[in-house]
């Protein structure tokens, strides 16, 4: 399951025909995404991104609320934390690990 957090388009980095690549600000973390599926998206808009493509516009009020709620999610402890058991090994072919 995925958790999509809205990000704000801060600038258009490249344009290739109908596709544009934008810088997206996720509450201080910056990534890039294609705007091919949202030609109406522009600087200042909030978008949801899946697999590197912006797929939905999000109203600013909803986006800011989602970002606020995301800040309340506690971080996961590192896998090597004392008291946290390691995840079991799993092989891709389904066989038991040796």
Protein backbone atom coordinates (compact mmCIF):
# COMPACT_ATOMS: atom_id res chain seq x y z
CA UNK A 1 0.00 0.00 0.00
CA UNK A 2 1.24 3.48 -0.82
CA UNK A 3 0.80 6.69 1.10
CA UNK A 4 0.70 9.67 -1.24
CA UNK A 5 1.67 13.02 0.21
CA UNK A 6 0.91 16.09 -1.91
CA UNK A 7 3.83 18.20 -3.08
CA UNK A 8 3.95 21.72 -4.49
CA UNK A 9 5.30 22.41 -7.97
CA UNK A 10 8.11 24.90 -7.41
CA UNK A 11 9.48 25.24 -10.94
CA UNK A 12 9.50 23.70 -14.38
CA UNK A 13 12.94 22.24 -15.06
CA UNK A 14 12.56 20.90 -18.61
CA UNK A 15 10.04 20.82 -21.43
CA UNK A 16 9.91 18.04 -24.04
CA UNK A 17 6.94 18.46 -26.36
CA UNK A 18 3.84 17.74 -24.26
CA UNK A 19 5.87 16.56 -21.27
CA UNK A 20 7.33 18.86 -18.65
CA UNK A 21 9.55 17.89 -15.76
CA UNK A 22 8.92 19.80 -12.58
CA UNK A 23 10.61 20.19 -9.23
CA UNK A 24 8.20 19.16 -6.47
CA UNK A 25 8.55 20.34 -2.86
CA UNK A 26 7.36 17.77 -0.31
CA UNK A 27 7.49 19.95 2.79
CA UNK A 28 11.20 20.69 2.32
CA UNK A 29 12.24 17.54 0.45
CA UNK A 30 12.60 18.15 -3.29
CA UNK A 31 12.07 15.59 -6.07
CA UNK A 32 11.27 15.73 -9.77
CA UNK A 33 8.16 14.50 -11.54
CA UNK A 34 6.71 14.47 -15.03
CA UNK A 35 3.62 16.60 -15.66
CA UNK A 36 2.62 14.73 -18.83
CA UNK A 37 -0.73 13.60 -17.37
CA UNK A 38 -1.51 17.02 -15.86
CA UNK A 39 -0.91 19.59 -18.59
CA UNK A 40 -2.89 22.12 -16.54
CA UNK A 41 -0.49 21.87 -13.55
CA UNK A 42 1.76 24.84 -12.99
CA UNK A 43 4.09 26.46 -10.48
CA UNK A 44 2.34 26.76 -7.11
CA UNK A 45 -0.06 23.86 -7.69
CA UNK A 46 -0.16 20.85 -5.37
CA UNK A 47 0.00 17.42 -7.00
CA UNK A 48 0.05 13.74 -6.11
CA UNK A 49 2.87 11.80 -7.77
CA UNK A 50 2.99 8.08 -8.51
CA UNK A 51 5.97 6.38 -10.16
CA UNK A 52 7.47 9.72 -11.17
CA UNK A 53 4.32 11.15 -12.79
CA UNK A 54 1.97 13.74 -11.30
CA UNK A 55 -1.47 12.14 -11.50
CA UNK A 56 -3.81 14.47 -9.59
CA UNK A 57 -4.17 18.10 -8.63
CA UNK A 58 -4.93 18.65 -4.93
CA UNK A 59 -6.59 21.77 -3.48
CA UNK A 60 -4.10 23.76 -1.41
CA UNK A 61 -6.12 23.44 1.81
CA UNK A 62 -6.24 19.64 1.48
CA UNK A 63 -2.55 19.44 0.59
CA UNK A 64 -1.47 21.49 3.60
CA UNK A 65 -3.66 19.37 5.90
CA UNK A 66 -2.15 16.16 4.48
CA UNK A 67 1.36 17.52 5.01
CA UNK A 68 0.49 18.50 8.58
CA UNK A 69 -0.84 15.00 9.29
CA UNK A 70 2.22 13.38 7.67
CA UNK A 71 4.48 15.28 10.09
CA UNK A 72 2.64 13.57 12.95
CA UNK A 73 3.56 10.05 11.75
CA UNK A 74 6.41 8.85 13.94
CA UNK A 75 9.54 7.78 12.06
CA UNK A 76 10.30 4.08 11.80
CA UNK A 77 13.19 2.94 13.98
CA UNK A 78 16.33 1.81 12.15
CA UNK A 79 16.40 -1.92 11.50
CA UNK A 80 19.41 -2.28 13.80
CA UNK A 81 17.67 -0.70 16.80
CA UNK A 82 18.01 -2.64 20.06
CA UNK A 83 14.81 -4.51 20.84
CA UNK A 84 13.60 -4.54 17.24
CA UNK A 85 13.75 -8.06 15.84
CA UNK A 86 15.15 -8.37 12.31
CA UNK A 87 12.74 -9.20 9.51
CA UNK A 88 12.80 -12.84 8.43
CA UNK A 89 14.77 -13.64 5.31
CA UNK A 90 12.71 -14.40 2.25
CA UNK A 91 13.98 -15.71 -1.06
CA UNK A 92 12.41 -14.56 -4.31
CA UNK A 93 11.92 -18.13 -5.48
CA UNK A 94 9.90 -18.97 -2.36
CA UNK A 95 12.40 -21.49 -1.03
CA UNK A 96 13.42 -21.40 2.61
CA UNK A 97 16.56 -19.37 3.29
CA UNK A 98 19.60 -21.39 4.23
